[in-house]
C-alpha cells in the first residue's frame, strides 16, 4: 500500500491541540475562581458591616459601683477594650456587646482596680449587681 492508497478523511480536519487551545480549556476554572473570590469578598464586607449576622444577637452588661457605705463611686469600666464611665448614681451600662468572653475591669480615680472574667451570651444582659470598692 502506498501513501496515495491510504484511507482519506475527506474535507474533515482533526482538532489540533496547540498553543491557542489553553484559553478555551481554562475559561471555566477562571470563572469559578473569580466567583469564589467575589463571594469571599462579599462575606468579609458583610461581617465588617454587621458582625451580628454571624454571631447572633448582641448581649448587654450592667451594674453599679459603690463604696462600703453604699455611696456611688465614679469609675471607668472596661469590657476588653470598650470603656464606659459610670453615671452619677455609680451605675454603668453596655448596650451591645458581641457574645463571648471579656476581661471586665473597674478603675476608680483613687487607684482601685477590680478585674474579673465575664461571659456575654447572645441576646442576654448580664447584671453584675453592685460592686463594692474600697478607697
N, C-alpha and C. Protein backbone atom coordinates (compact mmCIF):
# COMPACT_ATOMS: atom_id res chain seq x y z
N UNK A 1 0.85 -1.16 0.00
CA UNK A 1 0.00 0.00 0.00
C UNK A 1 0.90 1.23 0.00
N UNK A 2 0.56 2.12 -0.86
CA UNK A 2 1.31 3.35 -0.96
C UNK A 2 0.57 4.46 -0.24
N UNK A 3 1.23 5.56 -0.13
CA UNK A 3 0.61 6.70 0.57
C UNK A 3 -0.65 7.16 -0.14
N UNK A 4 -0.67 7.11 -1.42
CA UNK A 4 -1.84 7.54 -2.17
C UNK A 4 -3.01 6.58 -1.97
N UNK A 5 -2.73 5.32 -1.61
CA UNK A 5 -3.79 4.33 -1.44
C UNK A 5 -4.34 4.31 -0.01
N UNK A 6 -3.74 5.05 0.90
CA UNK A 6 -4.20 5.03 2.30
C UNK A 6 -5.56 5.72 2.42
N UNK A 7 -6.37 5.35 3.47
CA UNK A 7 -7.69 5.95 3.61
C UNK A 7 -7.59 7.46 3.86
N UNK A 8 -8.57 8.19 3.34
CA UNK A 8 -8.61 9.65 3.48
C UNK A 8 -9.82 10.05 4.31
N UNK A 9 -9.72 11.16 5.02
CA UNK A 9 -10.82 11.69 5.82
C UNK A 9 -11.70 12.62 5.01
N UNK A 10 -11.31 12.91 3.87
CA UNK A 10 -12.07 13.84 3.05
C UNK A 10 -11.73 15.27 3.45
N UNK A 11 -12.75 16.11 3.53
CA UNK A 11 -12.51 17.51 3.86
C UNK A 11 -12.45 17.75 5.38
N UNK A 12 -12.76 16.72 6.18
CA UNK A 12 -12.76 16.90 7.64
C UNK A 12 -11.34 17.13 8.15
N UNK A 13 -11.24 17.98 9.13
CA UNK A 13 -9.94 18.23 9.76
C UNK A 13 -10.02 17.83 11.22
N UNK A 14 -8.95 17.33 11.73
CA UNK A 14 -8.88 16.95 13.14
C UNK A 14 -8.47 18.16 13.97
N UNK A 15 -9.03 18.28 15.18
CA UNK A 15 -8.61 19.40 16.03
C UNK A 15 -7.15 19.23 16.42
N UNK A 16 -6.45 20.31 16.39
CA UNK A 16 -5.04 20.30 16.73
C UNK A 16 -4.89 20.90 18.12
N UNK A 17 -4.26 20.15 18.99
CA UNK A 17 -4.01 20.68 20.33
C UNK A 17 -2.75 21.52 20.25
N UNK A 18 -2.97 22.81 20.25
CA UNK A 18 -1.84 23.71 20.11
C UNK A 18 -1.86 24.77 21.19
N UNK A 19 -1.09 25.78 20.98
CA UNK A 19 -0.93 26.85 21.97
C UNK A 19 -2.21 27.65 22.17
N UNK A 20 -3.08 27.75 21.19
CA UNK A 20 -4.29 28.56 21.32
C UNK A 20 -5.40 27.88 22.10
N UNK A 21 -5.37 26.56 22.27
CA UNK A 21 -6.46 25.84 22.92
C UNK A 21 -6.47 25.99 24.44
N UNK A 22 -5.37 26.40 25.07
CA UNK A 22 -5.34 26.52 26.52
C UNK A 22 -6.34 27.55 27.00
N UNK A 23 -6.62 28.56 26.21
CA UNK A 23 -7.59 29.59 26.60
C UNK A 23 -8.99 29.00 26.69
N UNK A 24 -9.33 28.14 25.74
CA UNK A 24 -10.65 27.53 25.74
C UNK A 24 -10.81 26.53 26.87
N UNK A 25 -9.74 25.86 27.27
CA UNK A 25 -9.83 24.86 28.33
C UNK A 25 -9.89 25.48 29.72
N UNK A 26 -9.38 26.68 29.90
CA UNK A 26 -9.28 27.27 31.24
C UNK A 26 -10.36 28.29 31.56
N UNK A 27 -11.25 28.61 30.67
CA UNK A 27 -12.22 29.65 30.97
C UNK A 27 -13.17 29.28 32.09
N UNK A 28 -13.58 28.02 32.21
CA UNK A 28 -14.49 27.63 33.30
C UNK A 28 -13.78 27.72 34.66
N UNK A 29 -12.58 27.15 34.86
CA UNK A 29 -11.92 27.31 36.16
C UNK A 29 -11.65 28.77 36.51
N UNK A 30 -11.32 29.59 35.53
CA UNK A 30 -11.07 31.01 35.81
C UNK A 30 -12.35 31.69 36.28
N UNK A 31 -13.46 31.39 35.65
CA UNK A 31 -14.74 31.98 36.07
C UNK A 31 -15.12 31.50 37.47
N UNK A 32 -14.94 30.21 37.76
CA UNK A 32 -15.27 29.66 39.08
C UNK A 32 -14.42 30.33 40.16
N UNK A 33 -13.13 30.48 39.91
CA UNK A 33 -12.25 31.13 40.90
C UNK A 33 -12.68 32.58 41.10
N UNK A 34 -13.03 33.26 40.04
CA UNK A 34 -13.49 34.64 40.16
C UNK A 34 -14.76 34.77 40.99
N UNK A 35 -15.71 33.87 40.76
CA UNK A 35 -16.96 33.89 41.53
C UNK A 35 -16.69 33.61 43.01
N UNK A 36 -15.80 32.65 43.30
CA UNK A 36 -15.46 32.35 44.69
C UNK A 36 -14.78 33.53 45.37
N UNK A 37 -13.91 34.22 44.67
CA UNK A 37 -13.26 35.40 45.24
C UNK A 37 -14.27 36.51 45.52
N UNK A 38 -15.20 36.71 44.61
CA UNK A 38 -16.24 37.72 44.84
C UNK A 38 -17.13 37.35 46.02
N UNK A 39 -17.47 36.07 46.17
CA UNK A 39 -18.29 35.63 47.30
C UNK A 39 -17.55 35.82 48.61
N UNK A 40 -16.26 35.47 48.65
CA UNK A 40 -15.47 35.65 49.87
C UNK A 40 -15.37 37.13 50.23
N UNK A 41 -15.18 37.99 49.25
CA UNK A 41 -15.12 39.42 49.49
C UNK A 41 -16.45 39.95 50.03
N UNK A 42 -17.55 39.44 49.49
CA UNK A 42 -18.87 39.84 49.98
C UNK A 42 -19.10 39.43 51.42
N UNK A 43 -18.69 38.22 51.80
CA UNK A 43 -18.84 37.77 53.18
C UNK A 43 -17.97 38.61 54.12
N UNK A 44 -16.76 38.92 53.71
CA UNK A 44 -15.86 39.75 54.52
C UNK A 44 -16.48 41.13 54.73
N UNK A 45 -17.01 41.71 53.68
CA UNK A 45 -17.64 43.02 53.78
C UNK A 45 -18.87 42.97 54.69
N UNK A 46 -19.69 41.94 54.55
CA UNK A 46 -20.88 41.80 55.39
C UNK A 46 -20.50 41.66 56.86
N UNK A 47 -19.44 40.91 57.16
CA UNK A 47 -19.01 40.76 58.56
C UNK A 47 -18.51 42.08 59.12
N UNK A 48 -17.79 42.86 58.32
CA UNK A 48 -17.28 44.13 58.82
C UNK A 48 -18.39 45.15 59.01
N UNK A 49 -19.44 45.06 58.23
CA UNK A 49 -20.56 45.98 58.38
C UNK A 49 -21.41 45.59 59.58
N UNK A 50 -21.69 44.30 59.75
CA UNK A 50 -22.55 43.84 60.83
C UNK A 50 -22.12 42.46 61.32
N UNK A 51 -21.20 42.40 62.31
CA UNK A 51 -20.75 41.11 62.81
C UNK A 51 -21.87 40.27 63.42
N UNK A 52 -22.96 40.90 63.83
CA UNK A 52 -24.06 40.15 64.44
C UNK A 52 -24.74 39.22 63.45
N UNK A 53 -24.52 39.42 62.15
CA UNK A 53 -25.08 38.49 61.17
C UNK A 53 -24.51 37.09 61.37
N UNK A 54 -23.29 37.00 61.91
CA UNK A 54 -22.61 35.73 62.05
C UNK A 54 -22.57 35.22 63.49
N UNK A 55 -22.86 36.06 64.47
CA UNK A 55 -22.76 35.65 65.87
C UNK A 55 -24.11 35.60 66.58
N UNK A 56 -25.14 36.10 65.98
CA UNK A 56 -26.44 36.15 66.63
C UNK A 56 -26.63 37.50 67.31
N UNK A 57 -27.71 37.65 68.04
CA UNK A 57 -27.99 38.93 68.71
C UNK A 57 -26.91 39.28 69.73
N UNK A 58 -26.72 40.56 69.91
CA UNK A 58 -25.74 41.03 70.89
C UNK A 58 -26.29 40.84 72.31
N UNK A 59 -25.43 41.01 73.27
CA UNK A 59 -25.81 40.95 74.67
C UNK A 59 -25.50 42.28 75.34
N UNK A 60 -25.83 42.38 76.61
CA UNK A 60 -25.59 43.61 77.35
C UNK A 60 -24.92 43.34 78.68
N UNK A 61 -24.50 44.39 79.34
CA UNK A 61 -23.83 44.30 80.63
C UNK A 61 -24.20 45.53 81.44
N UNK A 62 -24.59 45.32 82.70
CA UNK A 62 -24.86 46.46 83.57
C UNK A 62 -24.51 46.13 85.01
N UNK A 63 -24.42 47.18 85.80
CA UNK A 63 -24.10 47.04 87.21
C UNK A 63 -23.86 48.42 87.81
N UNK A 64 -23.47 48.43 89.09
CA UNK A 64 -23.20 49.68 89.79
C UNK A 64 -21.92 49.54 90.60
N UNK A 65 -21.28 50.67 90.86
CA UNK A 65 -20.07 50.72 91.67
C UNK A 65 -20.38 51.60 92.89
N UNK A 66 -20.10 51.07 94.08
CA UNK A 66 -20.38 51.81 95.31
C UNK A 66 -19.28 51.54 96.33
N UNK A 67 -19.16 52.45 97.31
CA UNK A 67 -18.20 52.21 98.39
C UNK A 67 -18.87 51.41 99.50
N UNK A 68 -18.16 51.19 100.60
CA UNK A 68 -18.67 50.35 101.69
C UNK A 68 -19.96 50.90 102.31
N UNK A 69 -20.15 52.21 102.26
CA UNK A 69 -21.37 52.81 102.83
C UNK A 69 -22.54 52.80 101.85
N UNK A 70 -22.28 52.39 100.60
CA UNK A 70 -23.34 52.35 99.59
C UNK A 70 -23.40 53.58 98.72
N UNK A 71 -22.49 54.53 98.95
CA UNK A 71 -22.47 55.75 98.13
C UNK A 71 -21.90 55.43 96.74
N UNK A 72 -22.47 56.04 95.70
CA UNK A 72 -21.98 55.77 94.34
C UNK A 72 -20.54 56.25 94.16
N UNK A 73 -19.81 55.51 93.36
CA UNK A 73 -18.41 55.84 93.08
C UNK A 73 -18.26 56.05 91.57
N UNK A 74 -17.59 57.13 91.20
CA UNK A 74 -17.28 57.38 89.80
C UNK A 74 -16.10 56.50 89.39
N UNK A 75 -16.22 55.81 88.27
CA UNK A 75 -15.17 54.91 87.82
C UNK A 75 -15.24 54.75 86.30
N UNK A 76 -14.16 54.20 85.76
CA UNK A 76 -14.14 53.81 84.36
C UNK A 76 -14.28 52.30 84.31
N UNK A 77 -15.20 51.85 83.50
CA UNK A 77 -15.48 50.41 83.38
C UNK A 77 -14.99 49.95 82.01
N UNK A 78 -14.31 48.81 81.99
CA UNK A 78 -13.78 48.26 80.74
C UNK A 78 -14.35 46.86 80.52
N UNK A 79 -14.73 46.58 79.28
CA UNK A 79 -15.03 45.22 78.82
C UNK A 79 -14.09 45.01 77.64
N UNK A 80 -12.96 44.34 77.91
CA UNK A 80 -11.84 44.27 76.97
C UNK A 80 -11.39 45.69 76.63
N UNK A 81 -11.51 46.12 75.39
CA UNK A 81 -11.03 47.46 75.02
C UNK A 81 -12.17 48.49 74.87
N UNK A 82 -13.36 48.14 75.32
CA UNK A 82 -14.51 49.05 75.27
C UNK A 82 -14.70 49.63 76.67
N UNK A 83 -14.77 50.96 76.76
CA UNK A 83 -14.87 51.57 78.08
C UNK A 83 -16.12 52.44 78.20
N UNK A 84 -16.56 52.59 79.43
CA UNK A 84 -17.66 53.48 79.80
C UNK A 84 -17.30 54.10 81.15
N UNK A 85 -17.84 55.28 81.40
CA UNK A 85 -17.72 55.85 82.74
C UNK A 85 -19.07 55.68 83.42
N UNK A 86 -19.03 55.58 84.72
CA UNK A 86 -20.28 55.41 85.46
C UNK A 86 -21.08 56.71 85.43
N UNK A 87 -22.39 56.54 85.54
CA UNK A 87 -23.27 57.70 85.66
C UNK A 87 -23.14 58.27 87.06
N UNK A 88 -23.86 59.35 87.34
CA UNK A 88 -23.79 59.99 88.67
C UNK A 88 -24.22 59.04 89.79
N UNK A 89 -25.09 58.09 89.48
CA UNK A 89 -25.54 57.14 90.51
C UNK A 89 -24.57 55.96 90.67
N UNK A 90 -23.43 55.98 89.96
CA UNK A 90 -22.43 54.92 90.08
C UNK A 90 -22.71 53.71 89.18
N UNK A 91 -23.76 53.77 88.40
CA UNK A 91 -24.12 52.62 87.56
C UNK A 91 -23.54 52.77 86.15
N UNK A 92 -23.44 51.64 85.46
CA UNK A 92 -22.92 51.62 84.09
C UNK A 92 -23.77 50.68 83.26
N UNK A 93 -23.66 50.84 81.94
CA UNK A 93 -24.45 50.01 81.04
C UNK A 93 -23.75 49.90 79.70
N UNK A 94 -23.56 48.67 79.24
CA UNK A 94 -23.07 48.40 77.89
C UNK A 94 -24.26 47.81 77.13
N UNK A 95 -24.76 48.54 76.15
CA UNK A 95 -25.99 48.13 75.47
C UNK A 95 -25.78 47.00 74.47
N UNK A 96 -24.63 46.95 73.83
CA UNK A 96 -24.46 45.93 72.80
C UNK A 96 -23.03 45.42 72.77
N UNK A 97 -22.84 44.24 73.33
CA UNK A 97 -21.56 43.54 73.29
C UNK A 97 -21.76 42.25 72.51
N UNK A 98 -20.81 41.94 71.65
CA UNK A 98 -20.88 40.68 70.92
C UNK A 98 -20.75 39.52 71.90
N UNK A 99 -21.42 38.41 71.66
CA UNK A 99 -21.30 37.27 72.56
C UNK A 99 -19.85 36.79 72.66
N UNK A 100 -19.47 36.38 73.88
CA UNK A 100 -18.11 35.88 74.08
C UNK A 100 -17.57 36.24 75.44
N UNK A 101 -16.31 35.87 75.68
CA UNK A 101 -15.64 36.14 76.96
C UNK A 101 -14.97 37.51 76.91
N UNK A 102 -15.04 38.21 78.05
CA UNK A 102 -14.46 39.54 78.17
C UNK A 102 -13.69 39.64 79.49
N UNK A 103 -12.67 40.48 79.48
CA UNK A 103 -11.98 40.85 80.72
C UNK A 103 -12.68 42.11 81.22
N UNK A 104 -13.38 42.00 82.34
CA UNK A 104 -14.11 43.11 82.95
C UNK A 104 -13.18 43.78 83.95
N UNK A 105 -13.11 45.12 83.89
CA UNK A 105 -12.17 45.86 84.75
C UNK A 105 -12.83 47.15 85.23
N UNK A 106 -12.64 47.46 86.52
CA UNK A 106 -13.12 48.70 87.12
C UNK A 106 -11.90 49.48 87.60
N UNK A 107 -11.81 50.75 87.21
CA UNK A 107 -10.73 51.62 87.67
C UNK A 107 -11.34 52.89 88.25
N UNK A 108 -11.06 53.15 89.51
CA UNK A 108 -11.55 54.37 90.16
C UNK A 108 -10.45 55.43 90.13
N UNK A 109 -10.84 56.68 90.38
CA UNK A 109 -9.85 57.77 90.39
C UNK A 109 -8.88 57.65 91.56
N UNK A 110 -9.27 56.91 92.60
CA UNK A 110 -8.38 56.73 93.76
C UNK A 110 -7.36 55.61 93.52
N UNK A 111 -7.42 54.95 92.36
CA UNK A 111 -6.45 53.92 92.03
C UNK A 111 -6.92 52.50 92.29
N UNK A 112 -8.15 52.32 92.75
CA UNK A 112 -8.67 50.98 93.00
C UNK A 112 -8.92 50.29 91.65
N UNK A 113 -8.50 49.04 91.56
CA UNK A 113 -8.71 48.25 90.34
C UNK A 113 -9.36 46.93 90.72
N UNK A 114 -10.42 46.60 89.99
CA UNK A 114 -11.12 45.33 90.19
C UNK A 114 -11.20 44.66 88.82
N UNK A 115 -10.87 43.36 88.76
CA UNK A 115 -10.92 42.63 87.49
C UNK A 115 -11.60 41.28 87.68
N UNK A 116 -12.29 40.86 86.64
CA UNK A 116 -12.85 39.51 86.59
C UNK A 116 -13.17 39.15 85.15
N UNK A 117 -13.24 37.87 84.87
CA UNK A 117 -13.63 37.39 83.55
C UNK A 117 -15.15 37.26 83.53
N UNK A 118 -15.76 37.71 82.45
CA UNK A 118 -17.21 37.59 82.29
C UNK A 118 -17.51 36.97 80.92
N UNK A 119 -18.70 36.42 80.78
CA UNK A 119 -19.14 35.85 79.51
C UNK A 119 -20.48 36.49 79.15
N UNK A 120 -20.53 37.06 77.96
CA UNK A 120 -21.76 37.66 77.45
C UNK A 120 -22.42 36.63 76.53
N UNK A 121 -23.67 36.30 76.83
CA UNK A 121 -24.42 35.36 76.00
C UNK A 121 -25.27 36.11 74.98
N UNK A 122 -25.48 35.49 73.85
CA UNK A 122 -26.24 36.09 72.77
C UNK A 122 -27.67 36.39 73.22
N UNK A 123 -28.08 37.65 73.06
CA UNK A 123 -29.45 38.05 73.36
C UNK A 123 -29.75 38.21 74.84
N UNK A 124 -28.74 38.15 75.71
CA UNK A 124 -28.98 38.28 77.15
C UNK A 124 -28.16 39.43 77.72
N UNK A 125 -28.69 40.03 78.78
CA UNK A 125 -27.96 41.07 79.52
C UNK A 125 -27.43 40.46 80.81
N UNK A 126 -26.15 40.67 81.07
CA UNK A 126 -25.52 40.19 82.29
C UNK A 126 -25.56 41.30 83.32
N UNK A 127 -26.21 41.06 84.44
CA UNK A 127 -26.28 42.04 85.52
C UNK A 127 -25.28 41.70 86.61
N UNK A 128 -24.36 42.59 86.88
CA UNK A 128 -23.32 42.35 87.90
C UNK A 128 -23.70 42.91 89.26
N UNK A 129 -24.91 43.43 89.38
CA UNK A 129 -25.38 44.00 90.65
C UNK A 129 -24.46 45.14 91.08
N UNK A 130 -24.19 45.26 92.39
CA UNK A 130 -23.34 46.34 92.89
C UNK A 130 -21.97 45.79 93.27
N UNK A 131 -20.94 46.42 92.74
CA UNK A 131 -19.57 46.03 93.07
C UNK A 131 -19.06 47.03 94.09
N UNK A 132 -18.64 46.51 95.23
CA UNK A 132 -18.16 47.38 96.31
C UNK A 132 -16.66 47.60 96.17
N UNK A 133 -16.28 48.88 96.17
CA UNK A 133 -14.87 49.23 96.07
C UNK A 133 -14.42 49.90 97.38
N UNK A 134 -13.15 49.76 97.65
CA UNK A 134 -12.59 50.41 98.84
C UNK A 134 -11.68 51.54 98.38
N UNK A 135 -11.71 52.66 99.10
CA UNK A 135 -10.88 53.81 98.70
C UNK A 135 -9.41 53.56 98.88
